[in-house]
PDB file of all heavy atoms in Angstrom:
ATOM      1  N   THR A   1       0.835  -1.199   0.000  1.00  0.00           N
ATOM      2  CA  THR A   1       0.000   0.000   0.000  1.00  0.00           C
ATOM      3  C   THR A   1       0.868   1.246   0.000  1.00  0.00           C
ATOM      4  O   THR A   1       0.596   2.217  -0.714  1.00  0.00           O
ATOM      5  CB  THR A   1      -0.932   0.005   1.220  1.00  0.00           C
ATOM      6  OG1 THR A   1      -1.740  -1.173   1.212  1.00  0.00           O
ATOM      7  CG2 THR A   1      -1.839   1.224   1.212  1.00  0.00           C
ATOM      8  N   ARG A   2       1.941   1.224   0.808  1.00  0.00           N
ATOM      9  CA  ARG A   2       2.859   2.368   0.848  1.00  0.00           C
ATOM     10  C   ARG A   2       3.560   2.550  -0.491  1.00  0.00           C
ATOM     11  O   ARG A   2       3.774   3.680  -0.942  1.00  0.00           O
ATOM     12  CB  ARG A   2       3.883   2.191   1.963  1.00  0.00           C
ATOM     13  CG  ARG A   2       3.334   2.466   3.346  1.00  0.00           C
ATOM     14  CD  ARG A   2       4.460   2.607   4.366  1.00  0.00           C
ATOM     15  NE  ARG A   2       5.245   1.374   4.476  1.00  0.00           N
ATOM     16  CZ  ARG A   2       4.942   0.369   5.280  1.00  0.00           C
ATOM     17  NH1 ARG A   2       3.859   0.434   6.050  1.00  0.00           N
ATOM     18  NH2 ARG A   2       5.698  -0.721   5.329  1.00  0.00           N
ATOM     19  N   HIS A   3       3.908   1.441  -1.146  1.00  0.00           N
ATOM     20  CA  HIS A   3       4.569   1.570  -2.451  1.00  0.00           C
ATOM     21  C   HIS A   3       3.676   2.307  -3.437  1.00  0.00           C
ATOM     22  O   HIS A   3       4.134   3.240  -4.121  1.00  0.00           O
ATOM     23  CB  HIS A   3       4.924   0.196  -3.016  1.00  0.00           C
ATOM     24  CG  HIS A   3       5.353   0.257  -4.456  1.00  0.00           C
ATOM     25  ND1 HIS A   3       6.640   0.602  -4.837  1.00  0.00           N
ATOM     26  CD2 HIS A   3       4.651   0.066  -5.618  1.00  0.00           C
ATOM     27  CE1 HIS A   3       6.716   0.615  -6.158  1.00  0.00           C
ATOM     28  NE2 HIS A   3       5.532   0.299  -6.660  1.00  0.00           N
ATOM     29  N   LEU A   4       2.416   1.906  -3.527  1.00  0.00           N
ATOM     30  CA  LEU A   4       1.505   2.569  -4.458  1.00  0.00           C
ATOM     31  C   LEU A   4       1.338   4.041  -4.095  1.00  0.00           C
ATOM     32  O   LEU A   4       1.337   4.916  -4.971  1.00  0.00           O
ATOM     33  CB  LEU A   4       0.151   1.867  -4.457  1.00  0.00           C
ATOM     34  CG  LEU A   4       0.086   0.498  -5.147  1.00  0.00           C
ATOM     35  CD1 LEU A   4      -1.316  -0.082  -5.018  1.00  0.00           C
ATOM     36  CD2 LEU A   4       0.479   0.603  -6.618  1.00  0.00           C
ATOM     37  N   ALA A   5       1.196   4.333  -2.799  1.00  0.00           N
ATOM     38  CA  ALA A   5       1.000   5.719  -2.383  1.00  0.00           C
ATOM     39  C   ALA A   5       2.220   6.571  -2.711  1.00  0.00           C
ATOM     40  O   ALA A   5       2.087   7.689  -3.241  1.00  0.00           O
ATOM     41  CB  ALA A   5       0.708   5.772  -0.881  1.00  0.00           C
ATOM     42  N   ARG A   6       3.399   6.057  -2.421  1.00  0.00           N
ATOM     43  CA  ARG A   6       4.609   6.837  -2.657  1.00  0.00           C
ATOM     44  C   ARG A   6       4.947   6.943  -4.142  1.00  0.00           C
ATOM     45  O   ARG A   6       5.373   8.002  -4.613  1.00  0.00           O
ATOM     46  CB  ARG A   6       5.776   6.201  -1.887  1.00  0.00           C
ATOM     47  CG  ARG A   6       5.631   6.335  -0.378  1.00  0.00           C
ATOM     48  CD  ARG A   6       6.664   5.524   0.379  1.00  0.00           C
ATOM     49  NE  ARG A   6       6.485   5.675   1.821  1.00  0.00           N
ATOM     50  CZ  ARG A   6       7.157   4.982   2.741  1.00  0.00           C
ATOM     51  NH1 ARG A   6       8.061   4.096   2.353  1.00  0.00           N
ATOM     52  NH2 ARG A   6       6.929   5.181   4.027  1.00  0.00           N
ATOM     53  N   HIS A   7       4.745   5.854  -4.864  1.00  0.00           N
ATOM     54  CA  HIS A   7       5.098   5.860  -6.275  1.00  0.00           C
ATOM     55  C   HIS A   7       4.142   6.718  -7.096  1.00  0.00           C
ATOM     56  O   HIS A   7       4.568   7.426  -8.020  1.00  0.00           O
ATOM     57  CB  HIS A   7       5.088   4.417  -6.807  1.00  0.00           C
ATOM     58  CG  HIS A   7       5.609   4.288  -8.203  1.00  0.00           C
ATOM     59  ND1 HIS A   7       5.169   3.328  -9.085  1.00  0.00           N
ATOM     60  CD2 HIS A   7       6.546   5.014  -8.893  1.00  0.00           C
ATOM     61  CE1 HIS A   7       5.800   3.461 -10.239  1.00  0.00           C
ATOM     62  NE2 HIS A   7       6.640   4.465 -10.148  1.00  0.00           N
ATOM     63  N   LEU A   8       2.847   6.677  -6.761  1.00  0.00           N
ATOM     64  CA  LEU A   8       1.846   7.324  -7.602  1.00  0.00           C
ATOM     65  C   LEU A   8       1.322   8.643  -7.055  1.00  0.00           C
ATOM     66  O   LEU A   8       0.840   9.476  -7.810  1.00  0.00           O
ATOM     67  CB  LEU A   8       0.676   6.362  -7.828  1.00  0.00           C
ATOM     68  CG  LEU A   8       1.045   5.000  -8.430  1.00  0.00           C
ATOM     69  CD1 LEU A   8      -0.201   4.152  -8.616  1.00  0.00           C
ATOM     70  CD2 LEU A   8       1.806   5.153  -9.742  1.00  0.00           C
ATOM     71  N   PHE A   9       1.407   8.832  -5.727  1.00  0.00           N
ATOM     72  CA  PHE A   9       0.801  10.029  -5.130  1.00  0.00           C
ATOM     73  C   PHE A   9       1.704  10.723  -4.111  1.00  0.00           C
ATOM     74  O   PHE A   9       1.241  11.584  -3.373  1.00  0.00           O
ATOM     75  CB  PHE A   9      -0.518   9.652  -4.435  1.00  0.00           C
ATOM     76  CG  PHE A   9      -1.548   9.080  -5.357  1.00  0.00           C
ATOM     77  CD1 PHE A   9      -1.862   7.733  -5.322  1.00  0.00           C
ATOM     78  CD2 PHE A   9      -2.197   9.876  -6.283  1.00  0.00           C
ATOM     79  CE1 PHE A   9      -2.809   7.180  -6.170  1.00  0.00           C
ATOM     80  CE2 PHE A   9      -3.147   9.350  -7.139  1.00  0.00           C
ATOM     81  CZ  PHE A   9      -3.453   7.991  -7.087  1.00  0.00           C
ATOM     82  N   GLY A  10       2.969  10.358  -4.074  1.00  0.00           N
ATOM     83  CA  GLY A  10       3.832  10.871  -3.020  1.00  0.00           C
ATOM     84  C   GLY A  10       4.412  12.250  -3.243  1.00  0.00           C
ATOM     85  O   GLY A  10       5.026  12.816  -2.344  1.00  0.00           O
ATOM     86  N   ASP A  11       4.202  12.820  -4.425  1.00  0.00           N
ATOM     87  CA  ASP A  11       4.797  14.117  -4.724  1.00  0.00           C
ATOM     88  C   ASP A  11       3.745  15.228  -4.689  1.00  0.00           C
ATOM     89  O   ASP A  11       2.593  15.006  -4.295  1.00  0.00           O
ATOM     90  CB  ASP A  11       5.490  14.079  -6.090  1.00  0.00           C
ATOM     91  CG  ASP A  11       4.546  13.653  -7.210  1.00  0.00           C
ATOM     92  OD1 ASP A  11       3.326  13.524  -6.958  1.00  0.00           O
ATOM     93  OD2 ASP A  11       5.032  13.444  -8.348  1.00  0.00           O
ATOM     94  N   ALA A  12       4.162  16.422  -5.103  1.00  0.00           N
ATOM     95  CA  ALA A  12       3.238  17.562  -5.089  1.00  0.00           C
ATOM     96  C   ALA A  12       2.047  17.338  -6.013  1.00  0.00           C
ATOM     97  O   ALA A  12       0.927  17.754  -5.711  1.00  0.00           O
ATOM     98  CB  ALA A  12       3.991  18.835  -5.499  1.00  0.00           C
ATOM     99  N   ALA A  13       2.285  16.664  -7.147  1.00  0.00           N
ATOM    100  CA  ALA A  13       1.179  16.362  -8.050  1.00  0.00           C
ATOM    101  C   ALA A  13       0.173  15.430  -7.387  1.00  0.00           C
ATOM    102  O   ALA A  13      -1.039  15.556  -7.587  1.00  0.00           O
ATOM    103  CB  ALA A  13       1.711  15.738  -9.338  1.00  0.00           C
ATOM    104  N   GLY A  14       0.668  14.502  -6.566  1.00  0.00           N
ATOM    105  CA  GLY A  14      -0.223  13.599  -5.843  1.00  0.00           C
ATOM    106  C   GLY A  14      -1.086  14.341  -4.835  1.00  0.00           C
ATOM    107  O   GLY A  14      -2.279  14.035  -4.674  1.00  0.00           O
ATOM    108  N   LEU A  15      -0.491  15.313  -4.167  1.00  0.00           N
ATOM    109  CA  LEU A  15      -1.251  16.131  -3.221  1.00  0.00           C
ATOM    110  C   LEU A  15      -2.315  16.946  -3.960  1.00  0.00           C
ATOM    111  O   LEU A  15      -3.463  17.044  -3.499  1.00  0.00           O
ATOM    112  CB  LEU A  15      -0.310  17.064  -2.458  1.00  0.00           C
ATOM    113  CG  LEU A  15      -0.977  18.062  -1.504  1.00  0.00           C
ATOM    114  CD1 LEU A  15      -1.801  17.331  -0.444  1.00  0.00           C
ATOM    115  CD2 LEU A  15       0.082  18.954  -0.844  1.00  0.00           C
ATOM    116  N   ALA A  16      -1.944  17.498  -5.112  1.00  0.00           N
ATOM    117  CA  ALA A  16      -2.910  18.274  -5.895  1.00  0.00           C
ATOM    118  C   ALA A  16      -4.066  17.390  -6.358  1.00  0.00           C
ATOM    119  O   ALA A  16      -5.226  17.813  -6.362  1.00  0.00           O
ATOM    120  CB  ALA A  16      -2.207  18.908  -7.098  1.00  0.00           C
ATOM    121  N   THR A  17      -3.752  16.154  -6.728  1.00  0.00           N
ATOM    122  CA  THR A  17      -4.798  15.214  -7.138  1.00  0.00           C
ATOM    123  C   THR A  17      -5.744  14.929  -5.986  1.00  0.00           C
ATOM    124  O   THR A  17      -6.975  14.915  -6.155  1.00  0.00           O
ATOM    125  CB  THR A  17      -4.175  13.896  -7.638  1.00  0.00           C
ATOM    126  OG1 THR A  17      -3.412  14.153  -8.819  1.00  0.00           O
ATOM    127  CG2 THR A  17      -5.247  12.862  -7.939  1.00  0.00           C
ATOM    128  N   ALA A  18      -5.185  14.686  -4.805  1.00  0.00           N
ATOM    129  CA  ALA A  18      -6.022  14.418  -3.635  1.00  0.00           C
ATOM    130  C   ALA A  18      -6.954  15.591  -3.352  1.00  0.00           C
ATOM    131  O   ALA A  18      -8.148  15.397  -3.069  1.00  0.00           O
ATOM    132  CB  ALA A  18      -5.129  14.133  -2.418  1.00  0.00           C
ATOM    133  N   ARG A  19      -6.434  16.786  -3.437  1.00  0.00           N
ATOM    134  CA  ARG A  19      -7.256  17.969  -3.165  1.00  0.00           C
ATOM    135  C   ARG A  19      -8.312  18.187  -4.250  1.00  0.00           C
ATOM    136  O   ARG A  19      -9.414  18.671  -3.958  1.00  0.00           O
ATOM    137  CB  ARG A  19      -6.348  19.184  -3.021  1.00  0.00           C
ATOM    138  CG  ARG A  19      -5.538  19.140  -1.723  1.00  0.00           C
ATOM    139  CD  ARG A  19      -4.564  20.284  -1.596  1.00  0.00           C
ATOM    140  NE  ARG A  19      -3.936  20.268  -0.273  1.00  0.00           N
ATOM    141  CZ  ARG A  19      -2.916  21.040   0.079  1.00  0.00           C
ATOM    142  NH1 ARG A  19      -2.406  21.911  -0.800  1.00  0.00           N
ATOM    143  NH2 ARG A  19      -2.404  20.955   1.296  1.00  0.00           N
ATOM    144  N   ARG A  20      -7.999  17.820  -5.488  1.00  0.00           N
ATOM    145  CA  ARG A  20      -8.992  17.951  -6.558  1.00  0.00           C
ATOM    146  C   ARG A  20     -10.164  16.990  -6.330  1.00  0.00           C
ATOM    147  O   ARG A  20     -11.330  17.373  -6.496  1.00  0.00           O
ATOM    148  CB  ARG A  20      -8.330  17.668  -7.909  1.00  0.00           C
ATOM    149  CG  ARG A  20      -9.311  17.620  -9.064  1.00  0.00           C
ATOM    150  CD  ARG A  20      -8.595  17.421 -10.390  1.00  0.00           C
ATOM    151  NE  ARG A  20      -7.704  16.277 -10.379  1.00  0.00           N
ATOM    152  CZ  ARG A  20      -8.117  15.010 -10.527  1.00  0.00           C
ATOM    153  NH1 ARG A  20      -9.413  14.742 -10.653  1.00  0.00           N
ATOM    154  NH2 ARG A  20      -7.248  14.030 -10.539  1.00  0.00           N
ATOM    155  N   ILE A  21      -9.863  15.768  -5.937  1.00  0.00           N
ATOM    156  CA  ILE A  21     -10.938  14.808  -5.667  1.00  0.00           C
ATOM    157  C   ILE A  21     -11.730  15.238  -4.443  1.00  0.00           C
ATOM    158  O   ILE A  21     -12.968  15.157  -4.421  1.00  0.00           O
ATOM    159  CB  ILE A  21     -10.359  13.394  -5.476  1.00  0.00           C
ATOM    160  CG1 ILE A  21      -9.631  12.939  -6.740  1.00  0.00           C
ATOM    161  CG2 ILE A  21     -11.475  12.397  -5.132  1.00  0.00           C
ATOM    162  CD1 ILE A  21      -8.848  11.641  -6.582  1.00  0.00           C
ATOM    163  N   ASP A  22     -11.039  15.727  -3.425  1.00  0.00           N
ATOM    164  CA  ASP A  22     -11.731  16.211  -2.230  1.00  0.00           C
ATOM    165  C   ASP A  22     -12.667  17.370  -2.565  1.00  0.00           C
ATOM    166  O   ASP A  22     -13.744  17.503  -1.970  1.00  0.00           O
ATOM    167  CB  ASP A  22     -10.721  16.644  -1.167  1.00  0.00           C
ATOM    168  CG  ASP A  22     -10.154  15.472  -0.386  1.00  0.00           C
ATOM    169  OD1 ASP A  22     -10.811  14.407  -0.353  1.00  0.00           O
ATOM    170  OD2 ASP A  22      -9.069  15.615   0.203  1.00  0.00           O
ATOM    171  N   ALA A  23     -12.261  18.208  -3.517  1.00  0.00           N
ATOM    172  CA  ALA A  23     -13.123  19.324  -3.910  1.00  0.00           C
ATOM    173  C   ALA A  23     -14.416  18.815  -4.542  1.00  0.00           C
ATOM    174  O   ALA A  23     -15.491  19.409  -4.359  1.00  0.00           O
ATOM    175  CB  ALA A  23     -12.379  20.239  -4.883  1.00  0.00           C
ATOM    176  N   GLU A  24     -14.339  17.724  -5.275  1.00  0.00           N
ATOM    177  CA  GLU A  24     -15.554  17.136  -5.854  1.00  0.00           C
ATOM    178  C   GLU A  24     -16.460  16.596  -4.752  1.00  0.00           C
ATOM    179  O   GLU A  24     -17.681  16.738  -4.816  1.00  0.00           O
ATOM    180  CB  GLU A  24     -15.196  16.026  -6.841  1.00  0.00           C
ATOM    181  CG  GLU A  24     -16.406  15.444  -7.548  1.00  0.00           C
ATOM    182  CD  GLU A  24     -16.054  14.450  -8.639  1.00  0.00           C
ATOM    183  OE1 GLU A  24     -14.859  14.125  -8.788  1.00  0.00           O
ATOM    184  OE2 GLU A  24     -16.982  13.991  -9.346  1.00  0.00           O
ATOM    185  N   VAL A  25     -15.860  15.978  -3.741  1.00  0.00           N
ATOM    186  CA  VAL A  25     -16.646  15.489  -2.606  1.00  0.00           C
ATOM    187  C   VAL A  25     -17.272  16.663  -1.856  1.00  0.00           C
ATOM    188  O   VAL A  25     -18.429  16.598  -1.425  1.00  0.00           O
ATOM    189  CB  VAL A  25     -15.769  14.642  -1.662  1.00  0.00           C
ATOM    190  CG1 VAL A  25     -16.562  14.211  -0.424  1.00  0.00           C
ATOM    191  CG2 VAL A  25     -15.225  13.416  -2.387  1.00  0.00           C
ATOM    192  N   ASP A  26     -16.525  17.740  -1.713  1.00  0.00           N
ATOM    193  CA  ASP A  26     -17.038  18.938  -1.032  1.00  0.00           C
ATOM    194  C   ASP A  26     -18.328  19.443  -1.674  1.00  0.00           C
ATOM    195  O   ASP A  26     -19.194  20.002  -0.992  1.00  0.00           O
ATOM    196  CB  ASP A  26     -16.003  20.067  -1.080  1.00  0.00           C
ATOM    197  CG  ASP A  26     -14.847  19.839  -0.113  1.00  0.00           C
ATOM    198  OD1 ASP A  26     -14.962  18.949   0.756  1.00  0.00           O
ATOM    199  OD2 ASP A  26     -13.837  20.549  -0.235  1.00  0.00           O
ATOM    200  N   ALA A  27     -18.454  19.261  -2.971  1.00  0.00           N
ATOM    201  CA  ALA A  27     -19.610  19.781  -3.698  1.00  0.00           C
ATOM    202  C   ALA A  27     -20.863  18.921  -3.529  1.00  0.00           C
ATOM    203  O   ALA A  27     -21.955  19.344  -3.907  1.00  0.00           O
ATOM    204  CB  ALA A  27     -19.274  19.906  -5.185  1.00  0.00           C
ATOM    205  N   LEU A  28     -20.717  17.730  -2.944  1.00  0.00           N
ATOM    206  CA  LEU A  28     -21.880  16.880  -2.710  1.00  0.00           C
ATOM    207  C   LEU A  28     -22.668  17.396  -1.509  1.00  0.00           C
ATOM    208  O   LEU A  28     -22.080  17.956  -0.572  1.00  0.00           O
ATOM    209  CB  LEU A  28     -21.436  15.434  -2.465  1.00  0.00           C
ATOM    210  CG  LEU A  28     -20.791  14.718  -3.649  1.00  0.00           C
ATOM    211  CD1 LEU A  28     -20.300  13.343  -3.228  1.00  0.00           C
ATOM    212  CD2 LEU A  28     -21.758  14.609  -4.815  1.00  0.00           C
ATOM    213  N   PRO A  29     -23.967  17.213  -1.502  1.00  0.00           N
ATOM    214  CA  PRO A  29     -24.796  17.731  -0.396  1.00  0.00           C
ATOM    215  C   PRO A  29     -24.359  17.210   0.970  1.00  0.00           C
ATOM    216  O   PRO A  29     -24.285  15.999   1.183  1.00  0.00           O
ATOM    217  CB  PRO A  29     -26.202  17.220  -0.742  1.00  0.00           C
ATOM    218  CG  PRO A  29     -26.181  17.069  -2.231  1.00  0.00           C
ATOM    219  CD  PRO A  29     -24.802  16.613  -2.568  1.00  0.00           C
ATOM    220  N   GLY A  30     -23.999  18.138   1.845  1.00  0.00           N
ATOM    221  CA  GLY A  30     -23.675  17.795   3.224  1.00  0.00           C
ATOM    222  C   GLY A  30     -22.295  17.260   3.474  1.00  0.00           C
ATOM    223  O   GLY A  30     -21.986  16.837   4.604  1.00  0.00           O
ATOM    224  N   LEU A  31     -21.393  17.277   2.487  1.00  0.00           N
ATOM    225  CA  LEU A  31     -20.087  16.630   2.664  1.00  0.00           C
ATOM    226  C   LEU A  31     -18.904  17.588   2.575  1.00  0.00           C
ATOM    227  O   LEU A  31     -17.761  17.138   2.440  1.00  0.00           O
ATOM    228  CB  LEU A  31     -19.915  15.511   1.635  1.00  0.00           C
ATOM    229  CG  LEU A  31     -20.954  14.395   1.647  1.00  0.00           C
ATOM    230  CD1 LEU A  31     -20.530  13.273   0.711  1.00  0.00           C
ATOM    231  CD2 LEU A  31     -21.181  13.857   3.049  1.00  0.00           C
TER     232      LEU A  31
END
């Protein structure tokens, strides 16, 4: 699990991706 996280999402682009998905969740009612 750590390998996938570090290899695919461990850099600044990975953080930006996480925040982009979180923004979509933010737009759902009540979330």
